[in-house]
Amino acid sequence: MNRQAIREATIYAETIAKQKQIQVSYSITTNGTLVTESDAVFFEEYGFSITISLDGIGKDHDLNRPMKGGKGSYDRIIKNIQPLLSMQRKMQVSARVTVTPENTDLPAVLDEFINMGFHGVGFSPLLRSSNGQNEMNKEQLAIMLENMIACGLNFEKNVLAGKRYPFLNMVNALKEISKGTHRPYPCGAGAGYMGVSADEELFACHRFVNEEVGKMGDLTNGVEADLQNNWLASRHVNTQDPCSQCWARYLCGGGCHHEVIEKGRPACDYIRSWLFYTIQANERLSRLKPNWNN
């Protein structure tokens, strides 16, 4: 929405990075409704990782993301992102699909977006919405799990056939499993990642902006060590209940901090079952096609 600020910030970061001889990378998430060919040229020049929010195919997406006047946004987005998909070399364009009870046919969505040319496609269940609508309950998450495993089996089939199949949930899970990840947090919130408010205040992540529970300091005075240390100590997976007794805690990390604080943990069975499947898939692929991920 503020194209000039995005470009100036990128060029500034690039300039400072070169002066300090450090590497910097860029990422941006967009709903795609305002993206232009000029943006694609800029993102390619600086090697951006682009995430497009696409919540299904056609009408399924439009149900979740109508324009202000009620008209669907899917066709407009697909048209707008064609330059991104065709130009991507240095940049990588991925689709992120928010899963609601209305759009659970994940294998069809995955194949559609892979064939469209996305570098990766990932799914995330809607566990907390601002108006409380379309949140996934345990029964709906069980349906999602079946569809996720169907996508995973398609991933296995393609890998064994020597074909690229960028199902990001599977790729990321197998990467974590194969390297023996020991992850006490679900993400870098409050540590290597923070959100900044329009008032120059720092928060644990973008979801916590302007919420006291996630406050970390401000741009003038920097991060407040006590706030940060207390946050990280309280959010460690071993201090969370029932996480401290869960076999999957160091693969899961305890779930999104913001969702857990607001909604609890309705997705634990789903997450454990998904990880159980991916652990089995990792064993199968390692046995049937050694070094498949090299």
C-alpha atoms as a PDB file:
ATOM      1  CA  MET A   1       0.000   0.000   0.000  1.00  0.00           C
ATOM      2  CA  ASN A   2       2.991   2.291   0.576  1.00  0.00           C
ATOM      3  CA  ARG A   3       5.080   1.320  -2.413  1.00  0.00           C
ATOM      4  CA  GLN A   4       7.510   4.217  -1.980  1.00  0.00           C
ATOM      5  CA  ALA A   5       8.278   3.284   1.641  1.00  0.00           C
ATOM      6  CA  ILE A   6       8.914  -0.358   0.709  1.00  0.00           C
ATOM      7  CA  ARG A   7      11.314   0.604  -2.062  1.00  0.00           C
ATOM      8  CA  GLU A   8      13.155   3.266  -0.067  1.00  0.00           C
ATOM      9  CA  ALA A   9      13.545   0.921   2.908  1.00  0.00           C
ATOM     10  CA  THR A  10      14.933  -1.808   0.653  1.00  0.00           C
ATOM     11  CA  ILE A  11      17.437   0.478  -1.046  1.00  0.00           C
ATOM     12  CA  TYR A  12      18.488   1.906   2.336  1.00  0.00           C
ATOM     13  CA  ALA A  13      19.001  -1.586   3.774  1.00  0.00           C
ATOM     14  CA  GLU A  14      20.962  -2.632   0.697  1.00  0.00           C
ATOM     15  CA  THR A  15      23.227   0.417   0.969  1.00  0.00           C
ATOM     16  CA  ILE A  16      23.960  -0.092   4.673  1.00  0.00           C
ATOM     17  CA  ALA A  17      24.492  -3.822   4.196  1.00  0.00           C
ATOM     18  CA  LYS A  18      27.142  -3.194   1.558  1.00  0.00           C
ATOM     19  CA  GLN A  19      28.890  -0.654   3.795  1.00  0.00           C
ATOM     20  CA  LYS A  20      28.971  -3.125   6.668  1.00  0.00           C
ATOM     21  CA  GLN A  21      29.708  -6.102   4.393  1.00  0.00           C
ATOM     22  CA  ILE A  22      26.768  -8.131   5.650  1.00  0.00           C
ATOM     23  CA  GLN A  23      24.109 -10.056   3.795  1.00  0.00           C
ATOM     24  CA  VAL A  24      20.500  -8.961   3.969  1.00  0.00           C
ATOM     25  CA  SER A  25      17.434 -10.671   2.566  1.00  0.00           C
ATOM     26  CA  TYR A  26      13.965  -9.363   1.848  1.00  0.00           C
ATOM     27  CA  SER A  27      10.498 -10.850   2.127  1.00  0.00           C
ATOM     28  CA  ILE A  28       7.007  -9.499   1.776  1.00  0.00           C
ATOM     29  CA  THR A  29       3.486 -10.882   2.106  1.00  0.00           C
ATOM     30  CA  THR A  30       0.728  -9.495  -0.097  1.00  0.00           C
ATOM     31  CA  ASN A  31      -2.877 -10.238  -0.980  1.00  0.00           C
ATOM     32  CA  GLY A  32      -1.906  -9.469  -4.573  1.00  0.00           C
ATOM     33  CA  THR A  33      -4.685  -6.974  -5.303  1.00  0.00           C
ATOM     34  CA  LEU A  34      -2.318  -4.031  -5.867  1.00  0.00           C
ATOM     35  CA  VAL A  35       0.791  -5.780  -7.227  1.00  0.00           C
ATOM     36  CA  THR A  36       2.074  -4.431 -10.547  1.00  0.00           C
ATOM     37  CA  GLU A  37       4.605  -5.491 -13.164  1.00  0.00           C
ATOM     38  CA  SER A  38       6.869  -2.703 -11.900  1.00  0.00           C
ATOM     39  CA  ASP A  39       6.779  -4.327  -8.458  1.00  0.00           C
ATOM     40  CA  ALA A  40       7.790  -7.640 -10.004  1.00  0.00           C
ATOM     41  CA  VAL A  41      10.821  -6.010 -11.622  1.00  0.00           C
ATOM     42  CA  PHE A  42      11.835  -4.457  -8.294  1.00  0.00           C
ATOM     43  CA  PHE A  43      11.318  -7.665  -6.302  1.00  0.00           C
ATOM     44  CA  GLU A  44      13.351  -9.643  -8.823  1.00  0.00           C
ATOM     45  CA  GLU A  45      16.183  -7.113  -8.700  1.00  0.00           C
ATOM     46  CA  TYR A  46      16.506  -7.485  -4.923  1.00  0.00           C
ATOM     47  CA  GLY A  47      15.702 -11.196  -4.713  1.00  0.00           C
ATOM     48  CA  PHE A  48      12.568 -10.905  -2.574  1.00  0.00           C
ATOM     49  CA  SER A  49      10.725 -13.885  -1.150  1.00  0.00           C
ATOM     50  CA  ILE A  50       7.108 -13.129  -1.992  1.00  0.00           C
ATOM     51  CA  THR A  51       4.165 -14.764  -0.248  1.00  0.00           C
ATOM     52  CA  ILE A  52       0.778 -14.425  -1.940  1.00  0.00           C
ATOM     53  CA  SER A  53      -2.308 -15.025   0.208  1.00  0.00           C
ATOM     54  CA  LEU A  54      -4.590 -17.267  -1.873  1.00  0.00           C
ATOM     55  CA  ASP A  55      -7.212 -19.085   0.158  1.00  0.00           C
ATOM     56  CA  GLY A  56      -8.340 -21.623  -2.407  1.00  0.00           C
ATOM     57  CA  ILE A  57      -9.364 -21.653  -6.057  1.00  0.00           C
ATOM     58  CA  GLY A  58     -11.861 -19.199  -7.506  1.00  0.00           C
ATOM     59  CA  LYS A  59     -15.042 -18.945  -5.423  1.00  0.00           C
ATOM     60  CA  ASP A  60     -13.422 -20.590  -2.383  1.00  0.00           C
ATOM     61  CA  HIS A  61     -10.884 -17.777  -2.247  1.00  0.00           C
ATOM     62  CA  ASP A  62     -13.522 -15.110  -2.960  1.00  0.00           C
ATOM     63  CA  LEU A  63     -15.596 -16.323  -0.011  1.00  0.00           C
ATOM     64  CA  ASN A  64     -12.690 -15.558   2.338  1.00  0.00           C
ATOM     65  CA  ARG A  65     -11.333 -12.471   0.596  1.00  0.00           C
ATOM     66  CA  PRO A  66     -13.983 -10.366  -1.158  1.00  0.00           C
ATOM     67  CA  MET A  67     -13.233  -6.822  -2.246  1.00  0.00           C
ATOM     68  CA  LYS A  68     -14.798  -3.994  -0.256  1.00  0.00           C
ATOM     69  CA  GLY A  69     -17.841  -3.891  -2.523  1.00  0.00           C
ATOM     70  CA  GLY A  70     -18.381  -7.649  -2.241  1.00  0.00           C
ATOM     71  CA  LYS A  71     -16.906  -8.629  -5.609  1.00  0.00           C
ATOM     72  CA  GLY A  72     -14.452 -11.524  -5.665  1.00  0.00           C
ATOM     73  CA  SER A  73     -10.705 -10.844  -5.740  1.00  0.00           C
ATOM     74  CA  TYR A  74      -9.359 -14.144  -7.153  1.00  0.00           C
ATOM     75  CA  ASP A  75      -9.347 -13.296 -10.863  1.00  0.00           C
ATOM     76  CA  ARG A  76      -7.773  -9.904 -10.215  1.00  0.00           C
ATOM     77  CA  ILE A  77      -4.998 -11.406  -8.090  1.00  0.00           C
ATOM     78  CA  ILE A  78      -4.193 -14.181 -10.569  1.00  0.00           C
ATOM     79  CA  LYS A  79      -3.901 -11.577 -13.340  1.00  0.00           C
ATOM     80  CA  ASN A  80      -1.736  -9.278 -11.216  1.00  0.00           C
ATOM     81  CA  ILE A  81       0.766 -11.945 -10.150  1.00  0.00           C
ATOM     82  CA  GLN A  82       1.540 -13.293 -13.614  1.00  0.00           C
ATOM     83  CA  PRO A  83       4.624 -11.020 -13.985  1.00  0.00           C
ATOM     84  CA  LEU A  84       5.920 -12.246 -10.612  1.00  0.00           C
ATOM     85  CA  LEU A  85       5.512 -15.893 -11.594  1.00  0.00           C
ATOM     86  CA  SER A  86       7.105 -15.401 -14.994  1.00  0.00           C
ATOM     87  CA  MET A  87      10.034 -13.252 -13.796  1.00  0.00           C
ATOM     88  CA  GLN A  88      11.036 -15.233 -10.700  1.00  0.00           C
ATOM     89  CA  ARG A  89      14.686 -16.191 -10.818  1.00  0.00           C
ATOM     90  CA  LYS A  90      16.312 -14.427  -7.884  1.00  0.00           C
ATOM     91  CA  MET A  91      12.945 -13.873  -6.222  1.00  0.00           C
ATOM     92  CA  GLN A  92      10.767 -16.761  -5.113  1.00  0.00           C
ATOM     93  CA  VAL A  93       6.980 -16.551  -5.198  1.00  0.00           C
ATOM     94  CA  SER A  94       4.985 -18.802  -2.865  1.00  0.00           C
ATOM     95  CA  ALA A  95       1.288 -19.211  -2.112  1.00  0.00           C
ATOM     96  CA  ARG A  96      -0.010 -19.358   1.444  1.00  0.00           C
ATOM     97  CA  VAL A  97      -3.455 -20.878   1.819  1.00  0.00           C
ATOM     98  CA  THR A  98      -5.488 -20.231   4.970  1.00  0.00           C
ATOM     99  CA  VAL A  99      -7.697 -23.283   5.500  1.00  0.00           C
ATOM    100  CA  THR A 100     -11.254 -22.826   6.732  1.00  0.00           C
ATOM    101  CA  PRO A 101     -14.145 -25.312   6.944  1.00  0.00           C
ATOM    102  CA  GLU A 102     -15.197 -24.171   3.434  1.00  0.00           C
ATOM    103  CA  ASN A 103     -11.943 -24.923   1.575  1.00  0.00           C
ATOM    104  CA  THR A 104     -10.578 -28.311   2.638  1.00  0.00           C
ATOM    105  CA  ASP A 105      -9.962 -29.900  -0.798  1.00  0.00           C
ATOM    106  CA  LEU A 106      -6.256 -29.322  -0.391  1.00  0.00           C
ATOM    107  CA  PRO A 107      -4.858 -31.755  -3.021  1.00  0.00           C
ATOM    108  CA  ALA A 108      -6.766 -29.922  -5.781  1.00  0.00           C
ATOM    109  CA  VAL A 109      -5.586 -26.527  -4.533  1.00  0.00           C
ATOM    110  CA  LEU A 110      -1.992 -27.721  -4.226  1.00  0.00           C
ATOM    111  CA  ASP A 111      -1.860 -29.104  -7.766  1.00  0.00           C
ATOM    112  CA  GLU A 112      -3.553 -26.003  -9.191  1.00  0.00           C
ATOM    113  CA  PHE A 113      -1.029 -23.621  -7.635  1.00  0.00           C
ATOM    114  CA  ILE A 114       2.013 -25.775  -8.365  1.00  0.00           C
ATOM    115  CA  ASN A 115       0.960 -25.989 -12.012  1.00  0.00           C
ATOM    116  CA  MET A 116       0.480 -22.219 -11.973  1.00  0.00           C
ATOM    117  CA  GLY A 117       4.216 -21.852 -11.322  1.00  0.00           C
ATOM    118  CA  PHE A 118       4.498 -21.048  -7.621  1.00  0.00           C
ATOM    119  CA  HIS A 119       7.884 -21.848  -6.106  1.00  0.00           C
ATOM    120  CA  GLY A 120       6.107 -23.287  -3.069  1.00  0.00           C
ATOM    121  CA  VAL A 121       2.612 -23.793  -1.672  1.00  0.00           C
ATOM    122  CA  GLY A 122       1.745 -24.081   2.023  1.00  0.00           C
ATOM    123  CA  PHE A 123      -1.402 -24.501   4.110  1.00  0.00           C
ATOM    124  CA  SER A 124      -2.276 -23.067   7.525  1.00  0.00           C
ATOM    125  CA  PRO A 125      -5.525 -23.655   9.445  1.00  0.00           C
ATOM    126  CA  LEU A 126      -7.495 -20.657  10.629  1.00  0.00           C
ATOM    127  CA  LEU A 127      -7.404 -21.051  14.404  1.00  0.00           C
ATOM    128  CA  ARG A 128      -8.202 -17.464  15.360  1.00  0.00           C
ATOM    129  CA  SER A 129     -10.101 -14.847  13.383  1.00  0.00           C
ATOM    130  CA  SER A 130     -10.881 -11.284  14.398  1.00  0.00           C
ATOM    131  CA  ASN A 131     -14.645 -11.900  14.245  1.00  0.00           C
ATOM    132  CA  GLY A 132     -14.556 -15.492  15.496  1.00  0.00           C
ATOM    133  CA  GLN A 133     -15.953 -16.839  12.233  1.00  0.00           C
ATOM    134  CA  ASN A 134     -14.640 -19.783  10.160  1.00  0.00           C
ATOM    135  CA  GLU A 135     -12.227 -20.941  12.868  1.00  0.00           C
ATOM    136  CA  MET A 136     -11.322 -24.619  12.584  1.00  0.00           C
ATOM    137  CA  ASN A 137     -12.521 -26.913  15.385  1.00  0.00           C
ATOM    138  CA  LYS A 138     -11.158 -30.377  16.192  1.00  0.00           C
ATOM    139  CA  GLU A 139     -13.543 -32.176  13.836  1.00  0.00           C
ATOM    140  CA  GLN A 140     -12.669 -29.863  10.954  1.00  0.00           C
ATOM    141  CA  LEU A 141      -8.969 -30.163  11.713  1.00  0.00           C
ATOM    142  CA  ALA A 142      -9.370 -33.950  11.431  1.00  0.00           C
ATOM    143  CA  ILE A 143     -10.741 -33.445   7.911  1.00  0.00           C
ATOM    144  CA  MET A 144      -7.862 -31.116   7.127  1.00  0.00           C
ATOM    145  CA  LEU A 145      -5.417 -33.756   8.381  1.00  0.00           C
ATOM    146  CA  GLU A 146      -6.792 -36.313   5.914  1.00  0.00           C
ATOM    147  CA  ASN A 147      -6.315 -33.822   3.099  1.00  0.00           C
ATOM    148  CA  MET A 148      -2.818 -32.870   4.272  1.00  0.00           C
ATOM    149  CA  ILE A 149      -1.781 -36.523   4.318  1.00  0.00           C
ATOM    150  CA  ALA A 150      -3.234 -36.936   0.808  1.00  0.00           C
ATOM    151  CA  CYS A 151      -1.012 -34.034  -0.288  1.00  0.00           C
ATOM    152  CA  GLY A 152       1.919 -35.660   1.502  1.00  0.00           C
ATOM    153  CA  LEU A 153       1.384 -38.964  -0.276  1.00  0.00           C
ATOM    154  CA  ASN A 154       1.354 -37.090  -3.591  1.00  0.00           C
ATOM    155  CA  PHE A 155       4.619 -35.465  -2.505  1.00  0.00           C
ATOM    156  CA  GLU A 156       6.150 -38.894  -1.788  1.00  0.00           C
ATOM    157  CA  LYS A 157       4.987 -40.235  -5.149  1.00  0.00           C
ATOM    158  CA  ASN A 158       6.506 -37.297  -7.020  1.00  0.00           C
ATOM    159  CA  VAL A 159       9.793 -37.441  -5.112  1.00  0.00           C
ATOM    160  CA  LEU A 160      10.160 -41.154  -5.857  1.00  0.00           C
ATOM    161  CA  ALA A 161       9.525 -40.359  -9.529  1.00  0.00           C
ATOM    162  CA  GLY A 162      12.247 -37.702  -9.451  1.00  0.00           C
ATOM    163  CA  LYS A 163       9.814 -34.790  -9.842  1.00  0.00           C
ATOM    164  CA  ARG A 164       9.804 -31.517  -7.944  1.00  0.00           C
ATOM    165  CA  TYR A 165       6.625 -31.068  -5.887  1.00  0.00           C
ATOM    166  CA  PRO A 166       6.946 -27.954  -3.672  1.00  0.00           C
ATOM    167  CA  PHE A 167       4.462 -28.766  -0.899  1.00  0.00           C
ATOM    168  CA  LEU A 168       6.001 -26.480   1.722  1.00  0.00           C
ATOM    169  CA  ASN A 169       4.436 -28.071   4.804  1.00  0.00           C
ATOM    170  CA  MET A 170       6.013 -31.369   3.818  1.00  0.00           C
ATOM    171  CA  VAL A 171       9.340 -29.894   2.723  1.00  0.00           C
ATOM    172  CA  ASN A 172       9.734 -27.952   5.962  1.00  0.00           C
ATOM    173  CA  ALA A 173       8.657 -30.827   8.221  1.00  0.00           C
ATOM    174  CA  LEU A 174      11.064 -33.276   6.568  1.00  0.00           C
ATOM    175  CA  LYS A 175      13.866 -30.739   6.760  1.00  0.00           C
ATOM    176  CA  GLU A 176      13.313 -30.302  10.504  1.00  0.00           C
ATOM    177  CA  ILE A 177      13.068 -34.058  11.106  1.00  0.00           C
ATOM    178  CA  SER A 178      16.133 -34.974   9.060  1.00  0.00           C
ATOM    179  CA  LYS A 179      18.388 -32.467  10.806  1.00  0.00           C
ATOM    180  CA  GLY A 180      17.149 -33.447  14.266  1.00  0.00           C
ATOM    181  CA  THR A 181      15.727 -30.079  15.170  1.00  0.00           C
ATOM    182  CA  HIS A 182      15.484 -29.233  18.871  1.00  0.00           C
ATOM    183  CA  ARG A 183      13.114 -26.260  18.797  1.00  0.00           C
ATOM    184  CA  PRO A 184      11.861 -24.831  22.110  1.00  0.00           C
ATOM    185  CA  TYR A 185       9.878 -22.055  20.371  1.00  0.00           C
ATOM    186  CA  PRO A 186       7.555 -22.154  17.339  1.00  0.00           C
ATOM    187  CA  CYS A 187       9.184 -19.128  15.698  1.00  0.00           C
ATOM    188  CA  GLY A 188      11.570 -16.241  16.314  1.00  0.00           C
ATOM    189  CA  ALA A 189       8.993 -13.965  17.946  1.00  0.00           C
ATOM    190  CA  GLY A 190      10.573 -11.871  20.680  1.00  0.00           C
ATOM    191  CA  ALA A 191      14.076 -13.073  19.805  1.00  0.00           C
ATOM    192  CA  GLY A 192      15.262 -12.747  16.211  1.00  0.00           C
ATOM    193  CA  TYR A 193      11.977 -11.305  15.004  1.00  0.00           C
ATOM    194  CA  MET A 194       9.856  -8.379  16.197  1.00  0.00           C
ATOM    195  CA  GLY A 195       6.979  -6.201  15.075  1.00  0.00           C
ATOM    196  CA  VAL A 196       7.107  -2.399  15.023  1.00  0.00           C
ATOM    197  CA  SER A 197       4.035  -0.230  15.558  1.00  0.00           C
ATOM    198  CA  ALA A 198       3.281   3.078  13.848  1.00  0.00           C
ATOM    199  CA  ASP A 199       4.200   4.692  17.201  1.00  0.00           C
ATOM    200  CA  GLU A 200       7.716   3.166  17.025  1.00  0.00           C
ATOM    201  CA  GLU A 201       7.064   0.620  19.754  1.00  0.00           C
ATOM    202  CA  LEU A 202       8.500  -2.902  19.580  1.00  0.00           C
ATOM    203  CA  PHE A 203       6.426  -6.052  20.076  1.00  0.00           C
ATOM    204  CA  ALA A 204       7.121  -9.777  20.029  1.00  0.00           C
ATOM    205  CA  CYS A 205       5.776 -10.041  16.477  1.00  0.00           C
ATOM    206  CA  HIS A 206       3.406  -8.309  14.066  1.00  0.00           C
ATOM    207  CA  ARG A 207       0.410 -10.052  15.658  1.00  0.00           C
ATOM    208  CA  PHE A 208       1.162  -8.513  19.063  1.00  0.00           C
ATOM    209  CA  VAL A 209       1.482  -4.923  17.837  1.00  0.00           C
ATOM    210  CA  ASN A 210      -0.282  -2.566  20.287  1.00  0.00           C
ATOM    211  CA  GLU A 211      -0.964  -5.424  22.725  1.00  0.00           C
ATOM    212  CA  GLU A 212       0.657  -4.997  26.127  1.00  0.00           C
ATOM    213  CA  VAL A 213       1.322  -8.719  26.563  1.00  0.00           C
ATOM    214  CA  GLY A 214       3.837  -8.679  23.713  1.00  0.00           C
ATOM    215  CA  LYS A 215       5.561  -5.344  24.322  1.00  0.00           C
ATOM    216  CA  MET A 216       9.359  -5.372  23.971  1.00  0.00           C
ATOM    217  CA  GLY A 217      10.463  -1.716  24.083  1.00  0.00           C
ATOM    218  CA  ASP A 218      10.679   1.003  21.431  1.00  0.00           C
ATOM    219  CA  LEU A 219      12.920   2.192  18.616  1.00  0.00           C
ATOM    220  CA  THR A 220      14.382   5.069  20.637  1.00  0.00           C
ATOM    221  CA  ASN A 221      15.541   3.037  23.635  1.00  0.00           C
ATOM    222  CA  GLY A 222      15.798  -0.377  22.012  1.00  0.00           C
ATOM    223  CA  VAL A 223      14.701  -3.739  23.333  1.00  0.00           C
ATOM    224  CA  GLU A 224      14.036  -3.857  27.080  1.00  0.00           C
ATOM    225  CA  ALA A 225      16.055  -6.838  28.283  1.00  0.00           C
ATOM    226  CA  ASP A 226      13.733  -7.662  31.189  1.00  0.00           C
ATOM    227  CA  LEU A 227      10.658  -7.703  28.965  1.00  0.00           C
ATOM    228  CA  GLN A 228      12.395  -9.860  26.383  1.00  0.00           C
ATOM    229  CA  ASN A 229      13.937 -12.289  28.869  1.00  0.00           C
ATOM    230  CA  ASN A 230      10.691 -12.715  30.802  1.00  0.00           C
ATOM    231  CA  TRP A 231       8.793 -13.272  27.563  1.00  0.00           C
ATOM    232  CA  LEU A 232      11.203 -15.931  26.296  1.00  0.00           C
ATOM    233  CA  ALA A 233      11.298 -17.689  29.669  1.00  0.00           C
ATOM    234  CA  SER A 234       7.504 -17.802  29.945  1.00  0.00           C
ATOM    235  CA  ARG A 235       6.986 -18.972  26.355  1.00  0.00           C
ATOM    236  CA  HIS A 236       9.605 -21.766  26.389  1.00  0.00           C
ATOM    237  CA  VAL A 237       7.964 -25.052  25.411  1.00  0.00           C
ATOM    238  CA  ASN A 238       9.048 -26.725  28.655  1.00  0.00           C
ATOM    239  CA  THR A 239       7.124 -24.131  30.695  1.00  0.00           C
ATOM    240  CA  GLN A 240       3.924 -24.622  28.677  1.00  0.00           C
ATOM    241  CA  ASP A 241       1.147 -26.986  29.696  1.00  0.00           C
ATOM    242  CA  PRO A 242       0.533 -29.600  28.305  1.00  0.00           C
ATOM    243  CA  CYS A 243       3.540 -29.127  26.015  1.00  0.00           C
ATOM    244  CA  SER A 244       6.102 -30.120  28.631  1.00  0.00           C
ATOM    245  CA  GLN A 245       4.730 -33.685  28.551  1.00  0.00           C
ATOM    246  CA  CYS A 246       4.262 -33.945  24.760  1.00  0.00           C
ATOM    247  CA  TRP A 247       6.599 -36.101  22.642  1.00  0.00           C
ATOM    248  CA  ALA A 248       6.337 -33.638  19.732  1.00  0.00           C
ATOM    249  CA  ARG A 249       7.206 -30.481  21.652  1.00  0.00           C
ATOM    250  CA  TYR A 250      10.647 -29.906  20.117  1.00  0.00           C
ATOM    251  CA  LEU A 251       9.285 -30.321  16.583  1.00  0.00           C
ATOM    252  CA  CYS A 252       6.193 -28.192  17.227  1.00  0.00           C
ATOM    253  CA  GLY A 253       7.645 -25.557  19.540  1.00  0.00           C
ATOM    254  CA  GLY A 254       4.308 -25.073  21.309  1.00  0.00           C
ATOM    255  CA  GLY A 255       2.280 -23.402  18.572  1.00  0.00           C
ATOM    256  CA  CYS A 256       1.854 -19.748  17.575  1.00  0.00           C
ATOM    257  CA  HIS A 257       2.220 -17.640  20.734  1.00  0.00           C
ATOM    258  CA  HIS A 258      -0.563 -15.255  19.792  1.00  0.00           C
ATOM    259  CA  GLU A 259      -3.043 -17.986  18.879  1.00  0.00           C
ATOM    260  CA  VAL A 260      -2.245 -19.956  22.049  1.00  0.00           C
ATOM    261  CA  ILE A 261      -2.689 -16.933  24.318  1.00  0.00           C
ATOM    262  CA  GLU A 262      -6.001 -16.024  22.650  1.00  0.00           C
ATOM    263  CA  LYS A 263      -7.486 -19.443  21.875  1.00  0.00           C
ATOM    264  CA  GLY A 264      -5.561 -22.154  23.705  1.00  0.00           C
ATOM    265  CA  ARG A 265      -4.415 -25.251  21.808  1.00  0.00           C
ATOM    266  CA  PRO A 266      -7.262 -26.780  19.759  1.00  0.00           C
ATOM    267  CA  ALA A 267      -4.809 -28.059  17.126  1.00  0.00           C
ATOM    268  CA  CYS A 268      -2.557 -30.307  19.237  1.00  0.00           C
ATOM    269  CA  ASP A 269      -4.017 -33.589  17.961  1.00  0.00           C
ATOM    270  CA  TYR A 270      -3.776 -32.324  14.396  1.00  0.00           C
ATOM    271  CA  ILE A 271      -0.148 -31.247  14.804  1.00  0.00           C
ATOM    272  CA  ARG A 272       0.921 -34.491  16.487  1.00  0.00           C
ATOM    273  CA  SER A 273      -0.797 -36.597  13.836  1.00  0.00           C
ATOM    274  CA  TRP A 274       0.751 -34.589  11.021  1.00  0.00           C
ATOM    275  CA  LEU A 275       4.221 -34.927  12.550  1.00  0.00           C
ATOM    276  CA  PHE A 276       3.679 -38.662  13.083  1.00  0.00           C
ATOM    277  CA  TYR A 277       2.877 -39.027   9.384  1.00  0.00           C
ATOM    278  CA  THR A 278       5.867 -36.940   8.265  1.00  0.00           C
ATOM    279  CA  ILE A 279       8.243 -38.952  10.468  1.00  0.00           C
ATOM    280  CA  GLN A 280       7.010 -42.113   8.745  1.00  0.00           C
ATOM    281  CA  ALA A 281       7.329 -40.434   5.340  1.00  0.00           C
ATOM    282  CA  ASN A 282      10.890 -39.406   6.137  1.00  0.00           C
ATOM    283  CA  GLU A 283      11.766 -43.032   6.919  1.00  0.00           C
ATOM    284  CA  ARG A 284      10.166 -44.258   3.690  1.00  0.00           C
ATOM    285  CA  LEU A 285      11.848 -41.685   1.469  1.00  0.00           C
ATOM    286  CA  SER A 286      15.240 -42.182   3.149  1.00  0.00           C
ATOM    287  CA  ARG A 287      14.969 -45.916   2.555  1.00  0.00           C
ATOM    288  CA  LEU A 288      13.523 -45.907  -0.963  1.00  0.00           C
ATOM    289  CA  LYS A 289      15.378 -42.887  -2.364  1.00  0.00           C
ATOM    290  CA  PRO A 290      18.492 -42.025  -0.314  1.00  0.00           C
ATOM    291  CA  ASN A 291      19.734 -38.436  -0.697  1.00  0.00           C
ATOM    292  CA  TRP A 292      16.439 -37.445  -2.316  1.00  0.00           C
ATOM    293  CA  ASN A 293      16.637 -33.970  -0.788  1.00  0.00           C
ATOM    294  CA  ASN A 294      20.180 -33.137  -1.859  1.00  0.00           C
END
